[in-house]
Amino acid sequence: MLEICGYEVKVTRDTDKSIHDSGIEGIANQKKSDMDNRLEIFNKYEDSICISIHQNQFTDPKYSGAQMFYSDTNKLNENLAQTMQSEFVKHLQPDNQREIKLCGKELFLCYFSKNPTVMVECGFLSNVEEGKLLSTDEYQSKVAFTIFSGINQFLSGK
């Protein structure tokens, strides 16, 4: 969708596979290398926005709904997070009352990205109903459209 509309899209990962440097030994070192490499991609392109897409998981299955995380290291991050949250409510989850959440250094990519960045938690895999939805192609397409819509809304108001 984004490319059809003329956006240049760079994907850091489209699977749950690390992009750490070859020859790195040990899980902790591989994780650090992976995060450093993804951050390098995030910061390589000026005038970009970065969307880190995730599925949430929690010990209590009652929680559901998309939620956005942002850092205060870029003045546009909060706006991007609020725009994304609003689009999820508008298109997919009208009863979602989750608030956007400020993060710190624990969300490495959000915190250290130079460009406007948001972590999009699309929903909870630990919630039985939402987990089923998140596993369907139809719902994934709706989530993709919602993120696309959020990007357009953010860029039109930027």
C-alpha atoms as a PDB file:
ATOM      1  CA  MET A   1       0.000   0.000   0.000  1.00  0.00           C
ATOM      2  CA  LEU A   2       2.725   2.443   0.966  1.00  0.00           C
ATOM      3  CA  GLU A   3       4.795   1.768  -2.145  1.00  0.00           C
ATOM      4  CA  ILE A   4       1.729   2.083  -4.401  1.00  0.00           C
ATOM      5  CA  CYS A   5       1.236   5.569  -2.942  1.00  0.00           C
ATOM      6  CA  GLY A   6       4.820   6.527  -3.735  1.00  0.00           C
ATOM      7  CA  TYR A   7       6.473   5.978  -0.364  1.00  0.00           C
ATOM      8  CA  GLU A   8       9.899   4.377  -0.257  1.00  0.00           C
ATOM      9  CA  VAL A   9       9.702   1.510   2.218  1.00  0.00           C
ATOM     10  CA  LYS A  10      12.644  -0.130   3.962  1.00  0.00           C
ATOM     11  CA  VAL A  11      11.942  -3.232   6.007  1.00  0.00           C
ATOM     12  CA  THR A  12      14.418  -4.209   8.690  1.00  0.00           C
ATOM     13  CA  ARG A  13      12.872  -7.631   9.275  1.00  0.00           C
ATOM     14  CA  ASP A  14       9.800  -9.411   7.934  1.00  0.00           C
ATOM     15  CA  THR A  15      10.328 -12.532  10.033  1.00  0.00           C
ATOM     16  CA  ASP A  16      11.445 -13.141  13.588  1.00  0.00           C
ATOM     17  CA  LYS A  17      15.013 -13.669  12.389  1.00  0.00           C
ATOM     18  CA  SER A  18      17.912 -11.662  13.778  1.00  0.00           C
ATOM     19  CA  ILE A  19      19.931  -9.420  11.467  1.00  0.00           C
ATOM     20  CA  HIS A  20      23.039  -9.558  13.638  1.00  0.00           C
ATOM     21  CA  ASP A  21      26.483  -9.383  12.085  1.00  0.00           C
ATOM     22  CA  SER A  22      27.953 -12.713  11.019  1.00  0.00           C
ATOM     23  CA  GLY A  23      30.494 -14.200  13.365  1.00  0.00           C
ATOM     24  CA  ILE A  24      28.863 -12.790  16.501  1.00  0.00           C
ATOM     25  CA  GLU A  25      28.744 -15.429  19.239  1.00  0.00           C
ATOM     26  CA  GLY A  26      26.306 -15.611  22.148  1.00  0.00           C
ATOM     27  CA  ILE A  27      22.645 -14.665  22.297  1.00  0.00           C
ATOM     28  CA  ALA A  28      23.204 -11.372  24.150  1.00  0.00           C
ATOM     29  CA  ASN A  29      25.863 -10.242  21.667  1.00  0.00           C
ATOM     30  CA  GLN A  30      23.685 -11.269  18.716  1.00  0.00           C
ATOM     31  CA  LYS A  31      20.731  -9.327  20.174  1.00  0.00           C
ATOM     32  CA  LYS A  32      22.885  -6.216  20.616  1.00  0.00           C
ATOM     33  CA  SER A  33      24.233  -6.523  17.070  1.00  0.00           C
ATOM     34  CA  ASP A  34      20.706  -7.030  15.723  1.00  0.00           C
ATOM     35  CA  MET A  35      19.397  -3.937  17.518  1.00  0.00           C
ATOM     36  CA  ASP A  36      22.389  -1.842  16.437  1.00  0.00           C
ATOM     37  CA  ASN A  37      21.885  -2.909  12.815  1.00  0.00           C
ATOM     38  CA  ARG A  38      18.181  -2.103  12.881  1.00  0.00           C
ATOM     39  CA  LEU A  39      18.867   1.276  14.502  1.00  0.00           C
ATOM     40  CA  GLU A  40      21.394   2.011  11.765  1.00  0.00           C
ATOM     41  CA  ILE A  41      18.647   1.405   9.185  1.00  0.00           C
ATOM     42  CA  PHE A  42      16.192   3.564  11.173  1.00  0.00           C
ATOM     43  CA  ASN A  43      18.665   6.468  11.242  1.00  0.00           C
ATOM     44  CA  LYS A  44      20.055   6.079   7.729  1.00  0.00           C
ATOM     45  CA  TYR A  45      17.199   7.887   5.988  1.00  0.00           C
ATOM     46  CA  GLU A  46      16.527  11.527   6.804  1.00  0.00           C
ATOM     47  CA  ASP A  47      12.925  12.732   6.775  1.00  0.00           C
ATOM     48  CA  SER A  48      11.638   9.242   7.470  1.00  0.00           C
ATOM     49  CA  ILE A  49       9.303   7.761   9.996  1.00  0.00           C
ATOM     50  CA  CYS A  50       9.890   4.426  11.680  1.00  0.00           C
ATOM     51  CA  ILE A  51       7.150   2.004  12.610  1.00  0.00           C
ATOM     52  CA  SER A  52       8.108  -0.980  14.732  1.00  0.00           C
ATOM     53  CA  ILE A  53       5.246  -3.502  14.527  1.00  0.00           C
ATOM     54  CA  HIS A  54       4.678  -6.030  17.306  1.00  0.00           C
ATOM     55  CA  GLN A  55       2.075  -8.247  18.938  1.00  0.00           C
ATOM     56  CA  ASN A  56       1.695  -7.947  22.682  1.00  0.00           C
ATOM     57  CA  GLN A  57       1.656 -10.834  25.176  1.00  0.00           C
ATOM     58  CA  PHE A  58       0.784 -10.721  28.844  1.00  0.00           C
ATOM     59  CA  THR A  59       0.252 -13.234  31.633  1.00  0.00           C
ATOM     60  CA  ASP A  60      -3.386 -12.175  32.149  1.00  0.00           C
ATOM     61  CA  PRO A  61      -5.493 -12.993  29.057  1.00  0.00           C
ATOM     62  CA  LYS A  62      -8.113 -10.326  29.836  1.00  0.00           C
ATOM     63  CA  TYR A  63      -6.058  -7.533  28.241  1.00  0.00           C
ATOM     64  CA  SER A  64      -6.684  -6.599  24.613  1.00  0.00           C
ATOM     65  CA  GLY A  65      -6.329  -3.762  22.163  1.00  0.00           C
ATOM     66  CA  ALA A  66      -3.643  -1.982  20.236  1.00  0.00           C
ATOM     67  CA  GLN A  67      -1.321   0.356  22.093  1.00  0.00           C
ATOM     68  CA  MET A  68       1.425   2.668  20.923  1.00  0.00           C
ATOM     69  CA  PHE A  69       4.747   3.302  22.661  1.00  0.00           C
ATOM     70  CA  TYR A  70       6.949   6.331  21.995  1.00  0.00           C
ATOM     71  CA  SER A  71       9.895   8.150  23.507  1.00  0.00           C
ATOM     72  CA  ASP A  72      10.318  11.835  24.220  1.00  0.00           C
ATOM     73  CA  THR A  73      13.613  11.986  22.307  1.00  0.00           C
ATOM     74  CA  ASN A  74      11.893  13.382  19.198  1.00  0.00           C
ATOM     75  CA  LYS A  75       9.202  16.046  19.443  1.00  0.00           C
ATOM     76  CA  LEU A  76       7.085  14.309  16.762  1.00  0.00           C
ATOM     77  CA  ASN A  77       6.987  10.873  18.417  1.00  0.00           C
ATOM     78  CA  GLU A  78       4.006  11.570  20.662  1.00  0.00           C
ATOM     79  CA  ASN A  79       1.979  12.918  17.740  1.00  0.00           C
ATOM     80  CA  LEU A  80       2.820   9.847  15.651  1.00  0.00           C
ATOM     81  CA  ALA A  81       1.813   7.542  18.523  1.00  0.00           C
ATOM     82  CA  GLN A  82      -1.475   9.381  19.124  1.00  0.00           C
ATOM     83  CA  THR A  83      -2.293   9.375  15.428  1.00  0.00           C
ATOM     84  CA  MET A  84      -1.699   5.631  15.197  1.00  0.00           C
ATOM     85  CA  GLN A  85      -3.751   4.948  18.337  1.00  0.00           C
ATOM     86  CA  SER A  86      -6.624   7.050  16.962  1.00  0.00           C
ATOM     87  CA  GLU A  87      -6.566   5.174  13.668  1.00  0.00           C
ATOM     88  CA  PHE A  88      -6.784   1.812  15.452  1.00  0.00           C
ATOM     89  CA  VAL A  89      -9.825   3.065  17.366  1.00  0.00           C
ATOM     90  CA  LYS A  90     -11.380   4.505  14.206  1.00  0.00           C
ATOM     91  CA  HIS A  91     -10.839   1.506  11.904  1.00  0.00           C
ATOM     92  CA  LEU A  92     -10.588  -1.594  14.097  1.00  0.00           C
ATOM     93  CA  GLN A  93     -11.184  -1.192  17.800  1.00  0.00           C
ATOM     94  CA  PRO A  94     -13.870   1.400  18.602  1.00  0.00           C
ATOM     95  CA  ASP A  95     -13.953   0.313  22.264  1.00  0.00           C
ATOM     96  CA  ASN A  96     -10.178   0.509  22.718  1.00  0.00           C
ATOM     97  CA  GLN A  97      -9.442   2.959  25.535  1.00  0.00           C
ATOM     98  CA  ARG A  98      -5.733   2.222  25.834  1.00  0.00           C
ATOM     99  CA  GLU A  99      -3.567   5.293  26.115  1.00  0.00           C
ATOM    100  CA  ILE A 100      -0.313   5.825  24.291  1.00  0.00           C
ATOM    101  CA  LYS A 101       2.619   5.136  26.569  1.00  0.00           C
ATOM    102  CA  LEU A 102       5.932   6.902  27.028  1.00  0.00           C
ATOM    103  CA  CYS A 103       8.924   4.583  27.049  1.00  0.00           C
ATOM    104  CA  GLY A 104      12.554   4.931  27.979  1.00  0.00           C
ATOM    105  CA  LYS A 105      15.770   3.295  26.912  1.00  0.00           C
ATOM    106  CA  GLU A 106      14.246  -0.170  27.392  1.00  0.00           C
ATOM    107  CA  LEU A 107      12.668   0.277  23.939  1.00  0.00           C
ATOM    108  CA  PHE A 108      16.020   0.802  22.280  1.00  0.00           C
ATOM    109  CA  LEU A 109      14.805   1.556  18.751  1.00  0.00           C
ATOM    110  CA  CYS A 110      12.146   4.033  19.865  1.00  0.00           C
ATOM    111  CA  TYR A 111      14.514   5.796  22.214  1.00  0.00           C
ATOM    112  CA  PHE A 112      17.566   6.103  19.976  1.00  0.00           C
ATOM    113  CA  SER A 113      15.924   6.630  16.585  1.00  0.00           C
ATOM    114  CA  LYS A 114      16.541  10.103  15.206  1.00  0.00           C
ATOM    115  CA  ASN A 115      13.386  10.012  13.074  1.00  0.00           C
ATOM    116  CA  PRO A 116       9.815  10.018  14.388  1.00  0.00           C
ATOM    117  CA  THR A 117       9.315   6.479  15.690  1.00  0.00           C
ATOM    118  CA  VAL A 118       6.538   4.485  17.293  1.00  0.00           C
ATOM    119  CA  MET A 119       6.213   0.915  18.490  1.00  0.00           C
ATOM    120  CA  VAL A 120       2.832  -0.353  17.342  1.00  0.00           C
ATOM    121  CA  GLU A 121       1.537  -3.164  19.539  1.00  0.00           C
ATOM    122  CA  CYS A 122      -1.322  -4.379  17.319  1.00  0.00           C
ATOM    123  CA  GLY A 123      -3.026  -6.416  20.019  1.00  0.00           C
ATOM    124  CA  PHE A 124      -2.559  -9.186  22.553  1.00  0.00           C
ATOM    125  CA  LEU A 125      -1.776 -12.710  21.396  1.00  0.00           C
ATOM    126  CA  SER A 126      -2.473 -13.770  24.999  1.00  0.00           C
ATOM    127  CA  ASN A 127      -6.123 -12.697  24.668  1.00  0.00           C
ATOM    128  CA  VAL A 128      -7.931 -15.679  23.128  1.00  0.00           C
ATOM    129  CA  GLU A 129     -10.318 -13.681  20.917  1.00  0.00           C
ATOM    130  CA  GLU A 130      -7.730 -11.148  19.807  1.00  0.00           C
ATOM    131  CA  GLY A 131      -5.109 -13.843  19.271  1.00  0.00           C
ATOM    132  CA  LYS A 132      -7.460 -15.610  16.863  1.00  0.00           C
ATOM    133  CA  LEU A 133      -8.119 -12.365  14.982  1.00  0.00           C
ATOM    134  CA  LEU A 134      -4.423 -11.510  14.767  1.00  0.00           C
ATOM    135  CA  SER A 135      -3.708 -14.877  13.169  1.00  0.00           C
ATOM    136  CA  THR A 136      -6.097 -14.363  10.232  1.00  0.00           C
ATOM    137  CA  ASP A 137      -5.073 -12.892   6.896  1.00  0.00           C
ATOM    138  CA  GLU A 138      -8.211 -10.747   6.826  1.00  0.00           C
ATOM    139  CA  TYR A 139      -7.496  -9.081  10.165  1.00  0.00           C
ATOM    140  CA  GLN A 140      -3.810  -8.676   9.334  1.00  0.00           C
ATOM    141  CA  SER A 141      -4.866  -6.820   6.172  1.00  0.00           C
ATOM    142  CA  LYS A 142      -7.072  -4.553   8.276  1.00  0.00           C
ATOM    143  CA  VAL A 143      -4.182  -3.899  10.651  1.00  0.00           C
ATOM    144  CA  ALA A 144      -1.916  -3.112   7.684  1.00  0.00           C
ATOM    145  CA  PHE A 145      -4.508  -0.689   6.306  1.00  0.00           C
ATOM    146  CA  THR A 146      -4.869   0.938   9.731  1.00  0.00           C
ATOM    147  CA  ILE A 147      -1.106   1.481   9.992  1.00  0.00           C
ATOM    148  CA  PHE A 148      -1.076   2.802   6.417  1.00  0.00           C
ATOM    149  CA  SER A 149      -3.894   5.183   7.299  1.00  0.00           C
ATOM    150  CA  GLY A 150      -2.048   6.334  10.412  1.00  0.00           C
ATOM    151  CA  ILE A 151       1.084   7.068   8.415  1.00  0.00           C
ATOM    152  CA  ASN A 152      -0.918   9.120   5.910  1.00  0.00           C
ATOM    153  CA  GLN A 153      -2.713  11.011   8.683  1.00  0.00           C
ATOM    154  CA  PHE A 154       0.539  11.768  10.459  1.00  0.00           C
ATOM    155  CA  LEU A 155       2.352  12.933   7.317  1.00  0.00           C
ATOM    156  CA  SER A 156      -0.554  15.114   6.195  1.00  0.00           C
ATOM    157  CA  GLY A 157      -0.591  16.913   9.552  1.00  0.00           C
ATOM    158  CA  LYS A 158       3.161  17.069  10.082  1.00  0.00           C
END
